[in-house]
Amino acid sequence: QPFLIPASVNAIIAQRLIKRLCSCKQKISMSEIGSATLANIKNA
């Protein structure tokens, strides 16, 4: 029953593990990022 959820649930955690950059990482130029990706970031 939906009413039991807010009565009992304190918090819900969602998680993922993603790869971490090595120390050999390289800086990206703004042209490589692209305007569409920057727009997605700002929208998020």
ModelCIF file with pLDDT and N, C-alpha, C, O atoms, coordinates in Angstrom:
data_MODEL
#
_entry.id   MODEL 
#
_entity.id                         1 
_entity.type                       polymer 
_entity.pdbx_number_of_molecules   1 
#
_entity_poly.entity_id                      1 
_entity_poly.type                           'polypeptide(L)' 
_entity_poly.nstd_linkage                   no 
_entity_poly.nstd_monomer                   no 
_entity_poly.pdbx_seq_one_letter_code       QPFLIPASVNAIIAQRLIKRLCSCKQKISMSEIGSATLANIKNA 
_entity_poly.pdbx_seq_one_letter_code_can   QPFLIPASVNAIIAQRLIKRLCSCKQKISMSEIGSATLANIKNA 
_entity_poly.pdbx_strand_id                 A 
#
loop_
_entity_poly_seq.entity_id 
_entity_poly_seq.num 
_entity_poly_seq.mon_id 
_entity_poly_seq.hetero 
1 1  GLN n 
1 2  PRO n 
1 3  PHE n 
1 4  LEU n 
1 5  ILE n 
1 6  PRO n 
1 7  ALA n 
1 8  SER n 
1 9  VAL n 
1 10 ASN n 
1 11 ALA n 
1 12 ILE n 
1 13 ILE n 
1 14 ALA n 
1 15 GLN n 
1 16 ARG n 
1 17 LEU n 
1 18 ILE n 
1 19 LYS n 
1 20 ARG n 
1 21 LEU n 
1 22 CYS n 
1 23 SER n 
1 24 CYS n 
1 25 LYS n 
1 26 GLN n 
1 27 LYS n 
1 28 ILE n 
1 29 SER n 
1 30 MET n 
1 31 SER n 
1 32 GLU n 
1 33 ILE n 
1 34 GLY n 
1 35 SER n 
1 36 ALA n 
1 37 THR n 
1 38 LEU n 
1 39 ALA n 
1 40 ASN n 
1 41 ILE n 
1 42 LYS n 
1 43 ASN n 
1 44 ALA n 
#
_struct_asym.id          A 
_struct_asym.entity_id   1 
#
loop_
_ma_qa_metric.id 
_ma_qa_metric.mode 
_ma_qa_metric.name 
_ma_qa_metric.software_group_id 
_ma_qa_metric.type 
1 global pLDDT . pLDDT 
2 local  pLDDT . pLDDT 
#
_ma_qa_metric_global.metric_id      1 
_ma_qa_metric_global.metric_value   88.23 
_ma_qa_metric_global.model_id       1 
_ma_qa_metric_global.ordinal_id     1 
#
loop_
_ma_qa_metric_local.label_asym_id 
_ma_qa_metric_local.label_comp_id 
_ma_qa_metric_local.label_seq_id 
_ma_qa_metric_local.metric_id 
_ma_qa_metric_local.metric_value 
_ma_qa_metric_local.model_id 
_ma_qa_metric_local.ordinal_id 
A GLN 1  2 94.00 1 1  
A PRO 2  2 94.00 1 2  
A PHE 3  2 94.00 1 3  
A LEU 4  2 94.00 1 4  
A ILE 5  2 95.00 1 5  
A PRO 6  2 94.00 1 6  
A ALA 7  2 94.00 1 7  
A SER 8  2 95.00 1 8  
A VAL 9  2 95.00 1 9  
A ASN 10 2 95.00 1 10 
A ALA 11 2 95.00 1 11 
A ILE 12 2 96.00 1 12 
A ILE 13 2 96.00 1 13 
A ALA 14 2 95.00 1 14 
A GLN 15 2 94.00 1 15 
A ARG 16 2 93.00 1 16 
A LEU 17 2 91.00 1 17 
A ILE 18 2 91.00 1 18 
A LYS 19 2 92.00 1 19 
A ARG 20 2 93.00 1 20 
A LEU 21 2 94.00 1 21 
A CYS 22 2 93.00 1 22 
A SER 23 2 92.00 1 23 
A CYS 24 2 94.00 1 24 
A LYS 25 2 93.00 1 25 
A GLN 26 2 92.00 1 26 
A LYS 27 2 91.00 1 27 
A ILE 28 2 88.00 1 28 
A SER 29 2 80.00 1 29 
A MET 30 2 75.00 1 30 
A SER 31 2 77.00 1 31 
A GLU 32 2 80.00 1 32 
A ILE 33 2 79.00 1 33 
A GLY 34 2 77.00 1 34 
A SER 35 2 79.00 1 35 
A ALA 36 2 81.00 1 36 
A THR 37 2 80.00 1 37 
A LEU 38 2 80.00 1 38 
A ALA 39 2 81.00 1 39 
A ASN 40 2 79.00 1 40 
A ILE 41 2 80.00 1 41 
A LYS 42 2 78.00 1 42 
A ASN 43 2 79.00 1 43 
A ALA 44 2 80.00 1 44 
#
loop_
_atom_site.group_PDB 
_atom_site.id 
_atom_site.type_symbol 
_atom_site.label_atom_id 
_atom_site.label_alt_id 
_atom_site.label_comp_id 
_atom_site.label_asym_id 
_atom_site.label_entity_id 
_atom_site.label_seq_id 
_atom_site.pdbx_PDB_ins_code 
_atom_site.Cartn_x 
_atom_site.Cartn_y 
_atom_site.Cartn_z 
_atom_site.occupancy 
_atom_site.B_iso_or_equiv 
_atom_site.pdbx_formal_charge 
_atom_site.auth_seq_id 
_atom_site.auth_comp_id 
_atom_site.auth_asym_id 
_atom_site.auth_atom_id 
_atom_site.pdbx_PDB_model_num 
ATOM 1   N N  . GLN A 1 1  ? 0.830  -1.196 0.000   1.00 94.00 ? 1  GLN A N  1 
ATOM 2   C CA . GLN A 1 1  ? 0.000  0.000  0.000   1.00 94.00 ? 1  GLN A CA 1 
ATOM 3   C C  . GLN A 1 1  ? 0.874  1.258  0.000   1.00 94.00 ? 1  GLN A C  1 
ATOM 4   O O  . GLN A 1 1  ? 1.785  1.362  0.821   1.00 94.00 ? 1  GLN A O  1 
ATOM 5   N N  . PRO A 1 2  ? 0.620  2.220  -0.901  1.00 94.00 ? 2  PRO A N  1 
ATOM 6   C CA . PRO A 1 2  ? 1.469  3.409  -1.015  1.00 94.00 ? 2  PRO A CA 1 
ATOM 7   C C  . PRO A 1 2  ? 1.647  4.184  0.296   1.00 94.00 ? 2  PRO A C  1 
ATOM 8   O O  . PRO A 1 2  ? 2.713  4.753  0.529   1.00 94.00 ? 2  PRO A O  1 
ATOM 9   N N  . PHE A 1 3  ? 0.615  4.214  1.159   1.00 94.00 ? 3  PHE A N  1 
ATOM 10  C CA . PHE A 1 3  ? 0.731  5.002  2.395   1.00 94.00 ? 3  PHE A CA 1 
ATOM 11  C C  . PHE A 1 3  ? 1.791  4.445  3.345   1.00 94.00 ? 3  PHE A C  1 
ATOM 12  O O  . PHE A 1 3  ? 2.277  5.160  4.222   1.00 94.00 ? 3  PHE A O  1 
ATOM 13  N N  . LEU A 1 4  ? 2.156  3.156  3.171   1.00 94.00 ? 4  LEU A N  1 
ATOM 14  C CA . LEU A 1 4  ? 3.165  2.549  4.040   1.00 94.00 ? 4  LEU A CA 1 
ATOM 15  C C  . LEU A 1 4  ? 4.586  3.028  3.710   1.00 94.00 ? 4  LEU A C  1 
ATOM 16  O O  . LEU A 1 4  ? 5.473  2.971  4.562   1.00 94.00 ? 4  LEU A O  1 
ATOM 17  N N  . ILE A 1 5  ? 4.800  3.496  2.479   1.00 95.00 ? 5  ILE A N  1 
ATOM 18  C CA . ILE A 1 5  ? 6.151  3.896  2.059   1.00 95.00 ? 5  ILE A CA 1 
ATOM 19  C C  . ILE A 1 5  ? 6.624  5.156  2.790   1.00 95.00 ? 5  ILE A C  1 
ATOM 20  O O  . ILE A 1 5  ? 7.679  5.112  3.424   1.00 95.00 ? 5  ILE A O  1 
ATOM 21  N N  . PRO A 1 6  ? 5.885  6.289  2.732   1.00 94.00 ? 6  PRO A N  1 
ATOM 22  C CA . PRO A 1 6  ? 6.347  7.457  3.496   1.00 94.00 ? 6  PRO A CA 1 
ATOM 23  C C  . PRO A 1 6  ? 6.323  7.226  5.003   1.00 94.00 ? 6  PRO A C  1 
ATOM 24  O O  . PRO A 1 6  ? 7.038  7.897  5.747   1.00 94.00 ? 6  PRO A O  1 
ATOM 25  N N  . ALA A 1 7  ? 5.494  6.267  5.460   1.00 94.00 ? 7  ALA A N  1 
ATOM 26  C CA . ALA A 1 7  ? 5.427  5.990  6.905   1.00 94.00 ? 7  ALA A CA 1 
ATOM 27  C C  . ALA A 1 7  ? 6.634  5.200  7.394   1.00 94.00 ? 7  ALA A C  1 
ATOM 28  O O  . ALA A 1 7  ? 6.961  5.241  8.580   1.00 94.00 ? 7  ALA A O  1 
ATOM 29  N N  . SER A 1 8  ? 7.303  4.478  6.486   1.00 95.00 ? 8  SER A N  1 
ATOM 30  C CA . SER A 1 8  ? 8.370  3.579  6.928   1.00 95.00 ? 8  SER A CA 1 
ATOM 31  C C  . SER A 1 8  ? 9.747  3.866  6.326   1.00 95.00 ? 8  SER A C  1 
ATOM 32  O O  . SER A 1 8  ? 10.764 3.571  6.953   1.00 95.00 ? 8  SER A O  1 
ATOM 33  N N  . VAL A 1 9  ? 9.792  4.432  5.130   1.00 95.00 ? 9  VAL A N  1 
ATOM 34  C CA . VAL A 1 9  ? 11.082 4.601  4.436   1.00 95.00 ? 9  VAL A CA 1 
ATOM 35  C C  . VAL A 1 9  ? 11.754 5.912  4.840   1.00 95.00 ? 9  VAL A C  1 
ATOM 36  O O  . VAL A 1 9  ? 11.172 6.989  4.714   1.00 95.00 ? 9  VAL A O  1 
ATOM 37  N N  . ASN A 1 10 ? 12.991 5.800  5.329   1.00 95.00 ? 10 ASN A N  1 
ATOM 38  C CA . ASN A 1 10 ? 13.775 6.988  5.711   1.00 95.00 ? 10 ASN A CA 1 
ATOM 39  C C  . ASN A 1 10 ? 14.500 7.601  4.521   1.00 95.00 ? 10 ASN A C  1 
ATOM 40  O O  . ASN A 1 10 ? 14.512 8.821  4.352   1.00 95.00 ? 10 ASN A O  1 
ATOM 41  N N  . ALA A 1 11 ? 15.100 6.753  3.702   1.00 95.00 ? 11 ALA A N  1 
ATOM 42  C CA . ALA A 1 11 ? 15.857 7.236  2.542   1.00 95.00 ? 11 ALA A CA 1 
ATOM 43  C C  . ALA A 1 11 ? 16.051 6.096  1.549   1.00 95.00 ? 11 ALA A C  1 
ATOM 44  O O  . ALA A 1 11 ? 16.075 4.923  1.918   1.00 95.00 ? 11 ALA A O  1 
ATOM 45  N N  . ILE A 1 12 ? 16.189 6.474  0.273   1.00 96.00 ? 12 ILE A N  1 
ATOM 46  C CA . ILE A 1 12 ? 16.482 5.502  -0.787  1.00 96.00 ? 12 ILE A CA 1 
ATOM 47  C C  . ILE A 1 12 ? 17.733 5.970  -1.516  1.00 96.00 ? 12 ILE A C  1 
ATOM 48  O O  . ILE A 1 12 ? 17.804 7.100  -2.000  1.00 96.00 ? 12 ILE A O  1 
ATOM 49  N N  . ILE A 1 13 ? 18.714 5.084  -1.586  1.00 96.00 ? 13 ILE A N  1 
ATOM 50  C CA . ILE A 1 13 ? 19.994 5.405  -2.221  1.00 96.00 ? 13 ILE A CA 1 
ATOM 51  C C  . ILE A 1 13 ? 20.088 4.649  -3.538  1.00 96.00 ? 13 ILE A C  1 
ATOM 52  O O  . ILE A 1 13 ? 19.856 3.441  -3.577  1.00 96.00 ? 13 ILE A O  1 
ATOM 53  N N  . ALA A 1 14 ? 20.426 5.349  -4.617  1.00 95.00 ? 14 ALA A N  1 
ATOM 54  C CA . ALA A 1 14 ? 20.752 4.688  -5.886  1.00 95.00 ? 14 ALA A CA 1 
ATOM 55  C C  . ALA A 1 14 ? 22.225 4.950  -6.163  1.00 95.00 ? 14 ALA A C  1 
ATOM 56  O O  . ALA A 1 14 ? 22.721 6.046  -5.904  1.00 95.00 ? 14 ALA A O  1 
ATOM 57  N N  . GLN A 1 15 ? 22.921 3.957  -6.683  1.00 94.00 ? 15 GLN A N  1 
ATOM 58  C CA . GLN A 1 15 ? 24.357 4.135  -6.882  1.00 94.00 ? 15 GLN A CA 1 
ATOM 59  C C  . GLN A 1 15 ? 24.869 3.375  -8.093  1.00 94.00 ? 15 GLN A C  1 
ATOM 60  O O  . GLN A 1 15 ? 24.252 2.425  -8.577  1.00 94.00 ? 15 GLN A O  1 
ATOM 61  N N  . ARG A 1 16 ? 26.021 3.830  -8.562  1.00 93.00 ? 16 ARG A N  1 
ATOM 62  C CA . ARG A 1 16 ? 26.740 3.185  -9.652  1.00 93.00 ? 16 ARG A CA 1 
ATOM 63  C C  . ARG A 1 16 ? 28.239 3.256  -9.353  1.00 93.00 ? 16 ARG A C  1 
ATOM 64  O O  . ARG A 1 16 ? 28.700 4.135  -8.625  1.00 93.00 ? 16 ARG A O  1 
ATOM 65  N N  . LEU A 1 17 ? 28.982 2.322  -9.925  1.00 91.00 ? 17 LEU A N  1 
ATOM 66  C CA . LEU A 1 17 ? 30.436 2.390  -9.917  1.00 91.00 ? 17 LEU A CA 1 
ATOM 67  C C  . LEU A 1 17 ? 30.895 2.692  -11.339 1.00 91.00 ? 17 LEU A C  1 
ATOM 68  O O  . LEU A 1 17 ? 30.557 1.959  -12.268 1.00 91.00 ? 17 LEU A O  1 
ATOM 69  N N  . ILE A 1 18 ? 31.660 3.764  -11.513 1.00 91.00 ? 18 ILE A N  1 
ATOM 70  C CA . ILE A 1 18 ? 32.187 4.079  -12.840 1.00 91.00 ? 18 ILE A CA 1 
ATOM 71  C C  . ILE A 1 18 ? 33.703 4.178  -12.762 1.00 91.00 ? 18 ILE A C  1 
ATOM 72  O O  . ILE A 1 18 ? 34.273 4.333  -11.682 1.00 91.00 ? 18 ILE A O  1 
ATOM 73  N N  . LYS A 1 19 ? 34.342 4.088  -13.911 1.00 92.00 ? 19 LYS A N  1 
ATOM 74  C CA . LYS A 1 19 ? 35.800 4.052  -13.945 1.00 92.00 ? 19 LYS A CA 1 
ATOM 75  C C  . LYS A 1 19 ? 36.404 5.409  -13.570 1.00 92.00 ? 19 LYS A C  1 
ATOM 76  O O  . LYS A 1 19 ? 35.907 6.467  -13.957 1.00 92.00 ? 19 LYS A O  1 
ATOM 77  N N  . ARG A 1 20 ? 37.488 5.336  -12.808 1.00 93.00 ? 20 ARG A N  1 
ATOM 78  C CA . ARG A 1 20 ? 38.198 6.529  -12.350 1.00 93.00 ? 20 ARG A CA 1 
ATOM 79  C C  . ARG A 1 20 ? 39.399 6.780  -13.259 1.00 93.00 ? 20 ARG A C  1 
ATOM 80  O O  . ARG A 1 20 ? 40.102 5.843  -13.637 1.00 93.00 ? 20 ARG A O  1 
ATOM 81  N N  . LEU A 1 21 ? 39.630 8.036  -13.606 1.00 94.00 ? 21 LEU A N  1 
ATOM 82  C CA . LEU A 1 21 ? 40.736 8.384  -14.489 1.00 94.00 ? 21 LEU A CA 1 
ATOM 83  C C  . LEU A 1 21 ? 42.081 8.082  -13.848 1.00 94.00 ? 21 LEU A C  1 
ATOM 84  O O  . LEU A 1 21 ? 42.296 8.339  -12.663 1.00 94.00 ? 21 LEU A O  1 
ATOM 85  N N  . CYS A 1 22 ? 42.979 7.535  -14.651 1.00 93.00 ? 22 CYS A N  1 
ATOM 86  C CA . CYS A 1 22 ? 44.351 7.283  -14.210 1.00 93.00 ? 22 CYS A CA 1 
ATOM 87  C C  . CYS A 1 22 ? 45.106 8.623  -14.176 1.00 93.00 ? 22 CYS A C  1 
ATOM 88  O O  . CYS A 1 22 ? 44.633 9.620  -14.721 1.00 93.00 ? 22 CYS A O  1 
ATOM 89  N N  . SER A 1 23 ? 46.264 8.635  -13.541 1.00 92.00 ? 23 SER A N  1 
ATOM 90  C CA . SER A 1 23 ? 47.072 9.858  -13.454 1.00 92.00 ? 23 SER A CA 1 
ATOM 91  C C  . SER A 1 23 ? 47.591 10.310 -14.818 1.00 92.00 ? 23 SER A C  1 
ATOM 92  O O  . SER A 1 23 ? 48.105 11.421 -14.948 1.00 92.00 ? 23 SER A O  1 
ATOM 93  N N  . CYS A 1 24 ? 47.460 9.449  -15.846 1.00 94.00 ? 24 CYS A N  1 
ATOM 94  C CA . CYS A 1 24 ? 47.900 9.821  -17.198 1.00 94.00 ? 24 CYS A CA 1 
ATOM 95  C C  . CYS A 1 24 ? 46.816 10.598 -17.955 1.00 94.00 ? 24 CYS A C  1 
ATOM 96  O O  . CYS A 1 24 ? 46.947 10.827 -19.158 1.00 94.00 ? 24 CYS A O  1 
ATOM 97  N N  . LYS A 1 25 ? 45.768 10.995 -17.272 1.00 93.00 ? 25 LYS A N  1 
ATOM 98  C CA . LYS A 1 25 ? 44.645 11.702 -17.902 1.00 93.00 ? 25 LYS A CA 1 
ATOM 99  C C  . LYS A 1 25 ? 45.109 12.940 -18.664 1.00 93.00 ? 25 LYS A C  1 
ATOM 100 O O  . LYS A 1 25 ? 46.131 13.543 -18.335 1.00 93.00 ? 25 LYS A O  1 
ATOM 101 N N  . GLN A 1 26 ? 44.339 13.308 -19.688 1.00 92.00 ? 26 GLN A N  1 
ATOM 102 C CA . GLN A 1 26 ? 44.687 14.432 -20.550 1.00 92.00 ? 26 GLN A CA 1 
ATOM 103 C C  . GLN A 1 26 ? 43.543 15.448 -20.587 1.00 92.00 ? 26 GLN A C  1 
ATOM 104 O O  . GLN A 1 26 ? 42.370 15.081 -20.639 1.00 92.00 ? 26 GLN A O  1 
ATOM 105 N N  . LYS A 1 27 ? 43.905 16.712 -20.560 1.00 91.00 ? 27 LYS A N  1 
ATOM 106 C CA . LYS A 1 27 ? 42.897 17.779 -20.581 1.00 91.00 ? 27 LYS A CA 1 
ATOM 107 C C  . LYS A 1 27 ? 42.187 17.805 -21.940 1.00 91.00 ? 27 LYS A C  1 
ATOM 108 O O  . LYS A 1 27 ? 42.809 17.615 -22.985 1.00 91.00 ? 27 LYS A O  1 
ATOM 109 N N  . ILE A 1 28 ? 40.869 18.044 -21.901 1.00 88.00 ? 28 ILE A N  1 
ATOM 110 C CA . ILE A 1 28 ? 40.074 18.115 -23.128 1.00 88.00 ? 28 ILE A CA 1 
ATOM 111 C C  . ILE A 1 28 ? 39.890 19.578 -23.524 1.00 88.00 ? 28 ILE A C  1 
ATOM 112 O O  . ILE A 1 28 ? 39.654 20.436 -22.673 1.00 88.00 ? 28 ILE A O  1 
ATOM 113 N N  . SER A 1 29 ? 39.997 19.847 -24.796 1.00 80.00 ? 29 SER A N  1 
ATOM 114 C CA . SER A 1 29 ? 39.720 21.201 -25.281 1.00 80.00 ? 29 SER A CA 1 
ATOM 115 C C  . SER A 1 29 ? 38.211 21.415 -25.343 1.00 80.00 ? 29 SER A C  1 
ATOM 116 O O  . SER A 1 29 ? 37.448 20.451 -25.412 1.00 80.00 ? 29 SER A O  1 
ATOM 117 N N  . MET A 1 30 ? 37.784 22.657 -25.319 1.00 75.00 ? 30 MET A N  1 
ATOM 118 C CA . MET A 1 30 ? 36.351 22.967 -25.357 1.00 75.00 ? 30 MET A CA 1 
ATOM 119 C C  . MET A 1 30 ? 35.706 22.458 -26.641 1.00 75.00 ? 30 MET A C  1 
ATOM 120 O O  . MET A 1 30 ? 34.539 22.064 -26.640 1.00 75.00 ? 30 MET A O  1 
ATOM 121 N N  . SER A 1 31 ? 36.470 22.467 -27.744 1.00 77.00 ? 31 SER A N  1 
ATOM 122 C CA . SER A 1 31 ? 35.908 21.978 -29.011 1.00 77.00 ? 31 SER A CA 1 
ATOM 123 C C  . SER A 1 31 ? 35.626 20.471 -28.952 1.00 77.00 ? 31 SER A C  1 
ATOM 124 O O  . SER A 1 31 ? 34.691 19.983 -29.588 1.00 77.00 ? 31 SER A O  1 
ATOM 125 N N  . GLU A 1 32 ? 36.450 19.732 -28.174 1.00 80.00 ? 32 GLU A N  1 
ATOM 126 C CA . GLU A 1 32 ? 36.241 18.290 -28.024 1.00 80.00 ? 32 GLU A CA 1 
ATOM 127 C C  . GLU A 1 32 ? 34.986 17.992 -27.213 1.00 80.00 ? 32 GLU A C  1 
ATOM 128 O O  . GLU A 1 32 ? 34.281 17.018 -27.477 1.00 80.00 ? 32 GLU A O  1 
ATOM 129 N N  . ILE A 1 33 ? 34.713 18.841 -26.224 1.00 79.00 ? 33 ILE A N  1 
ATOM 130 C CA . ILE A 1 33 ? 33.523 18.627 -25.382 1.00 79.00 ? 33 ILE A CA 1 
ATOM 131 C C  . ILE A 1 33 ? 32.259 18.807 -26.215 1.00 79.00 ? 33 ILE A C  1 
ATOM 132 O O  . ILE A 1 33 ? 31.342 17.988 -26.153 1.00 79.00 ? 33 ILE A O  1 
ATOM 133 N N  . GLY A 1 34 ? 32.218 19.876 -26.988 1.00 77.00 ? 34 GLY A N  1 
ATOM 134 C CA . GLY A 1 34 ? 31.070 20.106 -27.865 1.00 77.00 ? 34 GLY A CA 1 
ATOM 135 C C  . GLY A 1 34 ? 29.961 20.887 -27.177 1.00 77.00 ? 34 GLY A C  1 
ATOM 136 O O  . GLY A 1 34 ? 29.747 20.760 -25.972 1.00 77.00 ? 34 GLY A O  1 
ATOM 137 N N  . SER A 1 35 ? 29.267 21.688 -27.957 1.00 79.00 ? 35 SER A N  1 
ATOM 138 C CA . SER A 1 35 ? 28.211 22.548 -27.402 1.00 79.00 ? 35 SER A CA 1 
ATOM 139 C C  . SER A 1 35 ? 27.026 21.733 -26.895 1.00 79.00 ? 35 SER A C  1 
ATOM 140 O O  . SER A 1 35 ? 26.378 22.121 -25.922 1.00 79.00 ? 35 SER A O  1 
ATOM 141 N N  . ALA A 1 36 ? 26.736 20.600 -27.551 1.00 81.00 ? 36 ALA A N  1 
ATOM 142 C CA . ALA A 1 36 ? 25.593 19.769 -27.140 1.00 81.00 ? 36 ALA A CA 1 
ATOM 143 C C  . ALA A 1 36 ? 25.819 19.187 -25.749 1.00 81.00 ? 36 ALA A C  1 
ATOM 144 O O  . ALA A 1 36 ? 24.906 19.172 -24.924 1.00 81.00 ? 36 ALA A O  1 
ATOM 145 N N  . THR A 1 37 ? 27.047 18.702 -25.484 1.00 80.00 ? 37 THR A N  1 
ATOM 146 C CA . THR A 1 37 ? 27.357 18.132 -24.165 1.00 80.00 ? 37 THR A CA 1 
ATOM 147 C C  . THR A 1 37 ? 27.301 19.207 -23.088 1.00 80.00 ? 37 THR A C  1 
ATOM 148 O O  . THR A 1 37 ? 26.773 18.974 -22.001 1.00 80.00 ? 37 THR A O  1 
ATOM 149 N N  . LEU A 1 38 ? 27.849 20.393 -23.390 1.00 80.00 ? 38 LEU A N  1 
ATOM 150 C CA . LEU A 1 38 ? 27.794 21.489 -22.416 1.00 80.00 ? 38 LEU A CA 1 
ATOM 151 C C  . LEU A 1 38 ? 26.353 21.897 -22.126 1.00 80.00 ? 38 LEU A C  1 
ATOM 152 O O  . LEU A 1 38 ? 26.014 22.235 -20.992 1.00 80.00 ? 38 LEU A O  1 
ATOM 153 N N  . ALA A 1 39 ? 25.510 21.864 -23.153 1.00 81.00 ? 39 ALA A N  1 
ATOM 154 C CA . ALA A 1 39 ? 24.088 22.182 -22.965 1.00 81.00 ? 39 ALA A CA 1 
ATOM 155 C C  . ALA A 1 39 ? 23.429 21.137 -22.065 1.00 81.00 ? 39 ALA A C  1 
ATOM 156 O O  . ALA A 1 39 ? 22.619 21.486 -21.205 1.00 81.00 ? 39 ALA A O  1 
ATOM 157 N N  . ASN A 1 40 ? 23.769 19.853 -22.255 1.00 79.00 ? 40 ASN A N  1 
ATOM 158 C CA . ASN A 1 40 ? 23.236 18.783 -21.403 1.00 79.00 ? 40 ASN A CA 1 
ATOM 159 C C  . ASN A 1 40 ? 23.638 18.990 -19.949 1.00 79.00 ? 40 ASN A C  1 
ATOM 160 O O  . ASN A 1 40 ? 22.833 18.796 -19.038 1.00 79.00 ? 40 ASN A O  1 
ATOM 161 N N  . ILE A 1 41 ? 24.890 19.385 -19.740 1.00 80.00 ? 41 ILE A N  1 
ATOM 162 C CA . ILE A 1 41 ? 25.397 19.609 -18.382 1.00 80.00 ? 41 ILE A CA 1 
ATOM 163 C C  . ILE A 1 41 ? 24.615 20.740 -17.716 1.00 80.00 ? 41 ILE A C  1 
ATOM 164 O O  . ILE A 1 41 ? 24.167 20.608 -16.576 1.00 80.00 ? 41 ILE A O  1 
ATOM 165 N N  . LYS A 1 42 ? 24.454 21.854 -18.438 1.00 78.00 ? 42 LYS A N  1 
ATOM 166 C CA . LYS A 1 42 ? 23.746 23.007 -17.870 1.00 78.00 ? 42 LYS A CA 1 
ATOM 167 C C  . LYS A 1 42 ? 22.269 22.684 -17.609 1.00 78.00 ? 42 LYS A C  1 
ATOM 168 O O  . LYS A 1 42 ? 21.705 23.120 -16.606 1.00 78.00 ? 42 LYS A O  1 
ATOM 169 N N  . ASN A 1 43 ? 21.652 21.924 -18.508 1.00 79.00 ? 43 ASN A N  1 
ATOM 170 C CA . ASN A 1 43 ? 20.253 21.522 -18.312 1.00 79.00 ? 43 ASN A CA 1 
ATOM 171 C C  . ASN A 1 43 ? 20.101 20.639 -17.080 1.00 79.00 ? 43 ASN A C  1 
ATOM 172 O O  . ASN A 1 43 ? 19.136 20.772 -16.328 1.00 79.00 ? 43 ASN A O  1 
ATOM 173 N N  . ALA A 1 44 ? 21.061 19.735 -16.875 1.00 80.00 ? 44 ALA A N  1 
ATOM 174 C CA . ALA A 1 44 ? 21.017 18.831 -15.715 1.00 80.00 ? 44 ALA A CA 1 
ATOM 175 C C  . ALA A 1 44 ? 21.116 19.614 -14.418 1.00 80.00 ? 44 ALA A C  1 
ATOM 176 O O  . ALA A 1 44 ? 21.095 19.025 -13.338 1.00 80.00 ? 44 ALA A O  1 
#
